[in-house]
Amino acid sequence: MGIIATIQNRMAKKGFYLSAAGIDVRPEVSAFHRITDGTIGFLSKEDPALNQTRLHAWHVAANARMAPFAGYEMPITYPLGAVEEHLATRRSVGLFDIDHMGQIEIKGPGADQFVSRLVTAKIDDMKDWDARYSLLLNERGTVIDDLFIYKLPGSWWIVVNASNRLEDVSWFNKHKPANVSLEDHSDETYMIAVQGPRAIELLDLVSDSAISAYPRFSAGRAKVLGVPCLVGRTGYTGEDGVELFFPAEQAEALWTGLFSEGEKRGIEVKAIGLAARDSLRFEAGMPLHGHEISQDIYPLESGFKWACDFTKDFVGKPALEKLQLEGIKRKLVCVTVTGGVPREGYELQSPEGRKIGAVVAGMFCPTVKKFAANALVDPAFGKSGLDVRVVIRGKPVEAVTVKRPLYIPAYRR
């Protein structure tokens, strides 16, 4: 093992990662935001402490760049490159291995009331097979996690973020009454996303029922290439597509089968790493926990009041109502930047040089061909069209606040 790899491995055990830009803390964040300009560093050897998905060997054989994320060694980008992976998803079909995410099923006589109490979204109007985005708050009103909720016949299927899975399960169990049961199906369930403007076309060709008949934000059961799946007409890229949940032992067969069928039928299908998944969701205005939403950020600050149903009771509601009365002290805005790459933590300034906030996520956006950032700022700078500055490597560079999202999601067109 070379000296750099030795240093990287030793640093990794302490939670630090070495890149060409220096030392990065929180690799699950830096892996995303340093990939597109080539400055991220990767461990040269597999870390035995990291989990691996069942497609790990496939990713390695495909020469994916692997890096730690949420306790897993995950593909960040493939030889195609993050920008081209992003564009491939926008024009055809991208496959995403997202099995690091968790799946929880809640059932029992009190399940409806329990789920409604724990999540912010209105769910009492959901019919069987409906799907809905929601937040999970603590009593302070900040975000433990964001979720996708599916109403199945007789139960609730809840998809949680990988890094928050154990905390989410603990939170649900802490509040769970005796007439509700909770099962964590994450280990035996595999999850992949099939996204892009030709995704549904491909799936219709290889499924035993018409996936195109599923409305957006709904779900159903179908066999895809003979594999029984829970199919959610959902996703996190801004494109049409689905998320598939199926027995974990079928992972490689379904994954490789979709590539084969795409090639056979003249549909471009590409494997997409987490770096492109991040830029796709960023352009479409979708939050990433730990960035636009977190346990240090109120949903009212980041523009997610729409995900909170104030006509019902939910954990964290009193804190949000208090904040509404007092007024928010900061607001999430998007800025486009000229003259540098905005990074998380970089300071935002007024044209006069006064600090007004900080970047929570920033990157190159391939579809719109711009460098952009989301930032929490003084609400006075919360409107679009305002000149601001982002301090990049000690130098203020020009930026302007713009309307989010940069890319209109397919379901809103």
Protein backbone atom coordinates (compact mmCIF):
# COMPACT_ATOMS: atom_id res chain seq x y z
CA MET A 1 0.00 0.00 0.00
CA GLY A 2 1.36 3.45 -0.96
CA ILE A 3 1.93 6.18 1.56
CA ILE A 4 -1.07 8.23 0.41
CA ALA A 5 -3.37 5.24 0.72
CA THR A 6 -1.92 4.47 4.15
CA ILE A 7 -2.59 8.03 5.31
CA GLN A 8 -6.09 7.94 3.82
CA ASN A 9 -6.97 4.70 5.59
CA ARG A 10 -5.66 5.94 8.92
CA MET A 11 -7.54 9.21 8.53
CA ALA A 12 -10.71 7.41 7.49
CA LYS A 13 -10.81 5.53 10.77
CA LYS A 14 -10.98 8.92 12.48
CA GLY A 15 -13.66 10.25 10.15
CA PHE A 16 -11.44 12.34 7.88
CA TYR A 17 -10.76 11.97 4.16
CA LEU A 18 -7.92 13.34 2.08
CA SER A 19 -8.56 15.09 -1.22
CA ALA A 20 -6.50 17.19 -3.56
CA ALA A 21 -8.23 20.19 -2.01
CA GLY A 22 -7.19 19.22 1.51
CA ILE A 23 -8.81 17.38 4.39
CA ASP A 24 -12.54 16.84 4.23
CA VAL A 25 -14.70 16.14 7.24
CA ARG A 26 -18.07 14.42 6.80
CA PRO A 27 -17.22 12.44 3.67
CA GLU A 28 -20.88 11.77 2.99
CA VAL A 29 -21.15 15.48 2.18
CA SER A 30 -17.82 16.21 0.55
CA ALA A 31 -18.10 13.19 -1.73
CA PHE A 32 -21.02 14.87 -3.46
CA HIS A 33 -19.77 18.41 -3.62
CA ARG A 34 -16.19 17.81 -4.70
CA ILE A 35 -16.75 15.20 -7.38
CA THR A 36 -17.62 17.35 -10.39
CA ASP A 37 -14.35 19.30 -10.40
CA GLY A 38 -12.22 16.24 -9.74
CA THR A 39 -10.92 17.19 -6.32
CA ILE A 40 -12.42 14.42 -4.24
CA GLY A 41 -10.08 11.77 -2.87
CA PHE A 42 -11.10 8.12 -2.66
CA LEU A 43 -9.87 5.35 -0.44
CA SER A 44 -7.69 3.01 -2.47
CA LYS A 45 -8.72 -0.08 -0.49
CA GLU A 46 -12.10 -1.29 0.68
CA ASP A 47 -12.81 -0.38 4.27
CA PRO A 48 -13.94 -3.55 6.05
CA ALA A 49 -16.04 -1.44 8.43
CA LEU A 50 -18.28 -0.21 5.60
CA ASN A 51 -21.43 -1.98 4.48
CA GLN A 52 -21.75 -3.02 0.86
CA THR A 53 -24.85 -3.36 -1.26
CA ARG A 54 -25.38 -6.57 -3.22
CA LEU A 55 -24.35 -4.73 -6.37
CA HIS A 56 -20.99 -3.69 -4.93
CA ALA A 57 -19.02 -6.17 -7.06
CA TRP A 58 -20.88 -4.97 -10.18
CA HIS A 59 -19.95 -1.36 -9.43
CA VAL A 60 -16.31 -2.24 -8.86
CA ALA A 61 -16.19 -4.27 -12.08
CA ALA A 62 -17.69 -1.27 -13.88
CA ASN A 63 -14.77 0.85 -12.57
CA ALA A 64 -17.02 3.04 -10.44
CA ARG A 65 -15.31 5.43 -8.07
CA MET A 66 -16.39 4.21 -4.66
CA ALA A 67 -16.52 6.30 -1.51
CA PRO A 68 -18.04 6.10 1.99
CA PHE A 69 -21.59 7.36 2.29
CA ALA A 70 -23.93 6.78 5.24
CA GLY A 71 -21.97 3.74 6.39
CA TYR A 72 -21.83 2.16 2.93
CA GLU A 73 -19.21 2.05 0.22
CA MET A 74 -21.21 3.50 -2.65
CA PRO A 75 -20.60 4.36 -6.32
CA ILE A 76 -20.07 8.10 -6.59
CA THR A 77 -19.42 8.16 -10.32
CA TYR A 78 -18.62 5.80 -13.18
CA PRO A 79 -16.08 6.26 -16.02
CA LEU A 80 -18.78 8.11 -17.97
CA GLY A 81 -18.39 10.97 -15.49
CA ALA A 82 -20.86 12.70 -13.21
CA VAL A 83 -21.85 15.39 -15.72
CA GLU A 84 -22.60 12.92 -18.51
CA GLU A 85 -24.45 10.62 -16.06
CA HIS A 86 -26.61 13.59 -15.11
CA LEU A 87 -27.34 14.41 -18.75
CA ALA A 88 -28.05 10.76 -19.62
CA THR A 89 -30.75 10.71 -16.95
CA ARG A 90 -32.26 13.89 -18.34
CA ARG A 91 -32.43 12.49 -21.89
CA SER A 92 -33.14 8.74 -21.45
CA VAL A 93 -32.83 6.34 -18.48
CA GLY A 94 -30.60 6.28 -15.43
CA LEU A 95 -30.33 3.36 -12.98
CA PHE A 96 -29.50 4.18 -9.37
CA ASP A 97 -28.42 1.69 -6.72
CA ILE A 98 -30.00 3.25 -3.63
CA ASP A 99 -30.17 0.16 -1.46
CA HIS A 100 -28.46 2.02 1.36
CA MET A 101 -31.85 3.62 2.04
CA GLY A 102 -34.23 2.09 4.57
CA GLN A 103 -37.77 0.76 4.42
CA ILE A 104 -40.09 0.61 7.42
CA GLU A 105 -43.57 -0.93 7.52
CA ILE A 106 -46.12 0.19 10.10
CA LYS A 107 -49.40 -1.59 10.71
CA GLY A 108 -52.03 -2.24 13.35
CA PRO A 109 -55.36 -0.77 14.52
CA GLY A 110 -53.73 2.51 15.54
CA ALA A 111 -51.35 2.82 12.59
CA ASP A 112 -53.21 5.59 10.75
CA GLN A 113 -53.37 7.87 13.78
CA PHE A 114 -49.79 7.06 14.77
CA VAL A 115 -48.28 7.85 11.37
CA SER A 116 -50.34 11.03 11.08
CA ARG A 117 -49.06 12.18 14.47
CA LEU A 118 -45.40 11.54 13.60
CA VAL A 119 -45.22 13.00 10.08
CA THR A 120 -45.99 16.52 8.91
CA ALA A 121 -47.95 15.74 5.74
CA LYS A 122 -51.70 15.33 5.52
CA ILE A 123 -52.24 11.59 5.15
CA ASP A 124 -55.85 10.98 6.20
CA ASP A 125 -56.95 11.61 2.61
CA MET A 126 -54.53 9.05 1.16
CA LYS A 127 -56.11 6.05 -0.53
CA ASP A 128 -54.52 2.64 -0.93
CA TRP A 129 -51.49 2.87 -3.25
CA ASP A 130 -51.07 6.64 -2.83
CA ALA A 131 -47.56 8.01 -2.18
CA ARG A 132 -46.59 11.28 -0.54
CA TYR A 133 -43.51 13.23 0.55
CA SER A 134 -43.30 14.27 4.20
CA LEU A 135 -41.00 15.38 6.98
CA LEU A 136 -40.27 13.82 10.35
CA LEU A 137 -39.69 16.50 13.00
CA ASN A 138 -38.43 16.57 16.55
CA GLU A 139 -40.17 18.56 19.28
CA ARG A 140 -38.03 21.59 18.43
CA GLY A 141 -39.59 21.64 14.96
CA THR A 142 -36.42 20.83 13.05
CA VAL A 143 -36.03 17.94 10.62
CA ILE A 144 -35.00 14.48 11.76
CA ASP A 145 -35.51 13.17 8.23
CA ASP A 146 -37.54 13.54 5.07
CA LEU A 147 -39.57 10.54 3.95
CA PHE A 148 -41.63 9.03 1.20
CA ILE A 149 -44.81 7.45 2.54
CA TYR A 150 -46.78 4.80 0.65
CA LYS A 151 -50.23 3.71 1.78
CA LEU A 152 -50.50 -0.01 1.14
CA PRO A 153 -53.59 -2.11 1.83
CA GLY A 154 -53.40 -2.66 5.60
CA SER A 155 -50.09 -0.89 6.26
CA TRP A 156 -47.83 2.10 5.71
CA TRP A 157 -44.54 1.70 3.83
CA ILE A 158 -42.09 4.45 4.76
CA VAL A 159 -38.78 5.06 2.99
CA VAL A 160 -36.11 6.75 5.11
CA ASN A 161 -32.67 8.13 4.38
CA ALA A 162 -29.71 5.85 4.90
CA SER A 163 -27.83 7.95 7.42
CA ASN A 164 -30.99 8.46 9.51
CA ARG A 165 -32.42 4.94 9.40
CA LEU A 166 -31.53 3.85 12.93
CA GLU A 167 -32.51 7.19 14.43
CA ASP A 168 -35.82 7.13 12.54
CA VAL A 169 -36.63 3.61 13.72
CA SER A 170 -35.77 4.58 17.29
CA TRP A 171 -37.96 7.69 17.02
CA PHE A 172 -40.92 5.72 15.71
CA ASN A 173 -40.49 3.07 18.41
CA LYS A 174 -40.23 5.72 21.11
CA HIS A 175 -43.68 7.06 20.19
CA LYS A 176 -45.34 3.82 19.09
CA PRO A 177 -48.47 2.80 21.04
CA ALA A 178 -49.24 -0.81 21.96
CA ASN A 179 -51.73 -1.26 19.09
CA VAL A 180 -49.12 -0.52 16.41
CA SER A 181 -46.34 -2.74 15.09
CA LEU A 182 -43.22 -1.67 13.24
CA GLU A 183 -40.95 -3.78 11.04
CA ASP A 184 -37.69 -2.67 9.51
CA HIS A 185 -37.49 -4.42 6.13
CA SER A 186 -34.30 -2.70 5.00
CA ASP A 187 -32.02 -5.72 5.06
CA GLU A 188 -34.20 -8.08 3.05
CA THR A 189 -35.51 -5.43 0.63
CA TYR A 190 -33.51 -4.05 -2.28
CA MET A 191 -34.17 -0.60 -3.69
CA ILE A 192 -33.19 0.82 -7.06
CA ALA A 193 -34.45 3.88 -8.93
CA VAL A 194 -35.20 3.88 -12.65
CA GLN A 195 -35.41 7.50 -13.76
CA GLY A 196 -35.58 9.49 -16.95
CA PRO A 197 -37.95 10.45 -19.79
CA ARG A 198 -37.80 6.92 -21.27
CA ALA A 199 -37.93 5.06 -17.93
CA ILE A 200 -41.63 4.28 -18.06
CA GLU A 201 -41.36 3.21 -21.70
CA LEU A 202 -38.66 0.71 -20.73
CA LEU A 203 -40.57 -0.58 -17.72
CA ASP A 204 -43.77 -1.07 -19.69
CA LEU A 205 -41.82 -3.33 -22.04
CA VAL A 206 -40.44 -5.56 -19.27
CA SER A 207 -43.30 -5.66 -16.73
CA ASP A 208 -46.41 -7.79 -16.48
CA SER A 209 -48.62 -4.72 -16.09
CA ALA A 210 -48.60 -1.20 -17.51
CA ILE A 211 -46.45 0.97 -15.24
CA SER A 212 -47.54 3.92 -17.38
CA ALA A 213 -51.03 3.46 -15.91
CA TYR A 214 -49.74 4.38 -12.44
CA PRO A 215 -50.37 8.06 -11.70
CA ARG A 216 -47.44 10.11 -10.44
CA PHE A 217 -47.09 9.69 -6.64
CA SER A 218 -48.78 6.32 -6.55
CA ALA A 219 -47.65 2.71 -6.21
CA GLY A 220 -48.63 -0.81 -7.16
CA ARG A 221 -47.31 -4.35 -7.41
CA ALA A 222 -45.91 -5.76 -10.64
CA LYS A 223 -43.38 -8.26 -11.87
CA VAL A 224 -40.47 -6.52 -13.55
CA LEU A 225 -38.40 -8.99 -15.59
CA GLY A 226 -40.19 -11.64 -13.58
CA VAL A 227 -39.16 -10.17 -10.22
CA PRO A 228 -42.06 -9.27 -7.87
CA CYS A 229 -41.76 -5.57 -7.04
CA LEU A 230 -43.48 -2.86 -5.13
CA VAL A 231 -43.35 -0.10 -7.75
CA GLY A 232 -43.51 3.52 -6.63
CA ARG A 233 -44.08 6.15 -9.34
CA THR A 234 -41.71 8.34 -7.39
CA GLY A 235 -38.11 9.50 -7.56
CA TYR A 236 -35.67 12.23 -6.67
CA THR A 237 -34.24 13.46 -9.96
CA GLY A 238 -36.88 15.78 -11.40
CA GLU A 239 -37.60 13.21 -14.11
CA ASP A 240 -40.36 10.67 -14.50
CA GLY A 241 -39.63 7.16 -13.33
CA VAL A 242 -40.04 4.72 -10.49
CA GLU A 243 -38.44 3.36 -7.37
CA LEU A 244 -38.48 -0.43 -7.13
CA PHE A 245 -38.59 -2.47 -3.92
CA PHE A 246 -38.01 -6.21 -4.26
CA PRO A 247 -36.32 -9.24 -2.64
CA ALA A 248 -32.64 -8.46 -2.11
CA GLU A 249 -31.44 -11.74 -3.62
CA GLN A 250 -32.83 -10.61 -7.00
CA ALA A 251 -30.73 -7.43 -7.12
CA GLU A 252 -28.16 -8.38 -9.74
CA ALA A 253 -30.66 -10.16 -11.99
CA LEU A 254 -32.99 -7.16 -12.13
CA TRP A 255 -30.22 -4.58 -12.39
CA THR A 256 -28.33 -6.28 -15.24
CA GLY A 257 -31.59 -7.30 -16.92
CA LEU A 258 -32.65 -3.66 -17.27
CA PHE A 259 -29.40 -2.82 -19.01
CA SER A 260 -29.78 -5.80 -21.34
CA GLU A 261 -33.37 -4.96 -22.20
CA GLY A 262 -32.50 -1.33 -22.83
CA GLU A 263 -29.74 -2.31 -25.26
CA LYS A 264 -32.00 -4.83 -26.99
CA ARG A 265 -34.79 -2.28 -27.45
CA GLY A 266 -32.65 0.70 -28.43
CA ILE A 267 -33.16 2.61 -25.17
CA GLU A 268 -30.06 4.21 -23.67
CA VAL A 269 -29.65 3.04 -20.05
CA LYS A 270 -26.75 4.22 -17.88
CA ALA A 271 -25.64 3.51 -14.32
CA ILE A 272 -25.73 6.70 -12.27
CA GLY A 273 -23.66 7.43 -9.17
CA LEU A 274 -24.52 9.50 -6.14
CA ALA A 275 -22.74 12.61 -7.45
CA ALA A 276 -25.11 12.91 -10.41
CA ARG A 277 -28.06 11.98 -8.20
CA ASP A 278 -27.14 14.98 -6.09
CA SER A 279 -26.92 17.42 -9.00
CA LEU A 280 -30.17 16.07 -10.45
CA ARG A 281 -32.09 16.61 -7.22
CA PHE A 282 -30.42 20.01 -6.68
CA GLU A 283 -31.54 21.36 -10.06
CA ALA A 284 -35.09 20.14 -9.40
CA GLY A 285 -35.26 21.93 -6.04
CA MET A 286 -35.34 18.80 -3.89
CA PRO A 287 -33.62 18.90 -0.49
CA LEU A 288 -30.85 16.69 0.78
CA HIS A 289 -30.89 16.01 4.50
CA GLY A 290 -27.87 17.54 6.14
CA HIS A 291 -27.92 20.42 3.66
CA GLU A 292 -31.21 22.21 2.91
CA ILE A 293 -32.95 20.41 5.79
CA SER A 294 -31.50 19.10 9.05
CA GLN A 295 -31.95 19.09 12.81
CA ASP A 296 -30.49 22.60 12.75
CA ILE A 297 -32.89 23.94 10.12
CA TYR A 298 -36.63 24.60 10.37
CA PRO A 299 -38.75 23.59 7.38
CA LEU A 300 -40.16 27.13 7.36
CA GLU A 301 -36.65 28.47 6.76
CA SER A 302 -35.98 26.14 3.85
CA GLY A 303 -39.32 26.67 2.11
CA PHE A 304 -41.01 23.42 3.10
CA LYS A 305 -44.05 24.80 4.85
CA TRP A 306 -46.03 23.15 2.03
CA ALA A 307 -45.00 19.75 3.44
CA CYS A 308 -46.59 20.57 6.82
CA ASP A 309 -50.34 20.22 7.37
CA PHE A 310 -51.16 22.77 10.07
CA THR A 311 -54.80 21.61 10.22
CA LYS A 312 -53.72 18.52 12.21
CA ASP A 313 -51.49 17.79 15.18
CA PHE A 314 -47.96 16.54 14.59
CA VAL A 315 -44.75 16.39 16.57
CA GLY A 316 -42.98 19.75 16.20
CA LYS A 317 -46.08 21.73 15.23
CA PRO A 318 -46.10 23.99 18.34
CA ALA A 319 -42.51 25.01 17.67
CA LEU A 320 -43.33 25.86 14.06
CA GLU A 321 -46.40 27.86 15.05
CA LYS A 322 -44.26 29.84 17.47
CA LEU A 323 -41.70 30.47 14.73
CA GLN A 324 -44.45 31.66 12.38
CA LEU A 325 -45.53 34.24 14.95
CA GLU A 326 -41.97 35.42 15.64
CA GLY A 327 -40.83 35.33 12.02
CA ILE A 328 -37.94 33.40 10.52
CA LYS A 329 -34.42 34.78 10.92
CA ARG A 330 -33.04 33.17 7.75
CA LYS A 331 -34.37 31.89 4.45
CA LEU A 332 -33.17 29.39 1.85
CA VAL A 333 -32.31 30.96 -1.50
CA CYS A 334 -30.64 29.77 -4.65
CA VAL A 335 -27.84 31.78 -6.21
CA THR A 336 -26.00 31.42 -9.48
CA VAL A 337 -22.32 32.22 -9.23
CA THR A 338 -19.82 33.73 -11.64
CA GLY A 339 -16.13 33.06 -11.15
CA GLY A 340 -15.86 30.01 -8.91
CA VAL A 341 -17.38 26.89 -7.40
CA PRO A 342 -19.57 27.57 -4.34
CA ARG A 343 -19.08 25.07 -1.53
CA GLU A 344 -20.94 24.22 1.63
CA GLY A 345 -20.00 26.64 4.40
CA TYR A 346 -18.86 29.46 2.12
CA GLU A 347 -19.97 32.88 3.32
CA LEU A 348 -22.53 35.01 1.47
CA GLN A 349 -22.19 38.78 1.61
CA SER A 350 -24.20 41.79 0.58
CA PRO A 351 -22.70 43.95 -2.19
CA GLU A 352 -21.34 46.15 0.61
CA GLY A 353 -19.46 43.23 2.17
CA ARG A 354 -21.78 42.47 5.11
CA LYS A 355 -22.20 38.79 5.97
CA ILE A 356 -25.75 37.70 5.19
CA GLY A 357 -25.58 33.89 5.33
CA ALA A 358 -23.79 30.76 4.23
CA VAL A 359 -23.94 28.11 1.52
CA VAL A 360 -25.56 24.78 2.47
CA ALA A 361 -25.04 23.08 -0.92
CA GLY A 362 -23.28 24.13 -4.10
CA MET A 363 -22.14 22.59 -7.37
CA PHE A 364 -22.08 22.74 -11.15
CA CYS A 365 -25.54 22.17 -12.63
CA PRO A 366 -25.11 20.38 -15.97
CA THR A 367 -28.60 20.95 -17.41
CA VAL A 368 -28.55 24.72 -16.94
CA LYS A 369 -24.75 24.91 -17.36
CA LYS A 370 -24.23 27.11 -14.31
CA PHE A 371 -22.50 27.00 -10.96
CA ALA A 372 -25.16 27.41 -8.30
CA ALA A 373 -25.67 27.16 -4.57
CA ASN A 374 -28.44 26.98 -2.03
CA ALA A 375 -27.81 29.20 0.95
CA LEU A 376 -29.49 30.24 4.17
CA VAL A 377 -29.50 34.03 4.26
CA ASP A 378 -31.00 37.06 5.93
CA PRO A 379 -34.68 37.09 4.78
CA ALA A 380 -34.11 40.57 3.33
CA PHE A 381 -32.12 38.82 0.61
CA GLY A 382 -34.71 36.13 0.07
CA LYS A 383 -36.07 37.49 -3.21
CA SER A 384 -34.84 36.56 -6.68
CA GLY A 385 -32.88 39.02 -8.77
CA LEU A 386 -30.70 40.44 -5.99
CA ASP A 387 -26.95 40.92 -6.35
CA VAL A 388 -24.91 39.18 -3.63
CA ARG A 389 -21.39 37.84 -3.20
CA VAL A 390 -20.06 34.38 -2.35
CA VAL A 391 -16.66 34.32 -0.67
CA ILE A 392 -14.62 31.69 -2.51
CA ARG A 393 -11.09 31.08 -1.22
CA GLY A 394 -11.15 34.43 0.54
CA LYS A 395 -12.36 36.41 -2.47
CA PRO A 396 -15.93 37.73 -2.90
CA VAL A 397 -17.27 36.72 -6.31
CA GLU A 398 -20.44 37.93 -8.00
CA ALA A 399 -23.68 36.01 -7.57
CA VAL A 400 -27.37 36.66 -8.03
CA THR A 401 -30.38 35.18 -6.25
CA VAL A 402 -32.62 33.18 -8.57
CA LYS A 403 -35.95 31.41 -8.40
CA ARG A 404 -35.93 27.74 -7.43
CA PRO A 405 -36.04 25.21 -8.96
CA LEU A 406 -33.48 25.67 -11.70
CA TYR A 407 -35.10 22.75 -13.55
CA ILE A 408 -38.87 22.18 -13.53
CA PRO A 409 -39.62 18.59 -12.46
CA ALA A 410 -41.52 16.44 -14.94
CA TYR A 411 -44.59 16.16 -12.71
CA ARG A 412 -44.98 19.95 -12.64
CA ARG A 413 -44.87 20.51 -16.40
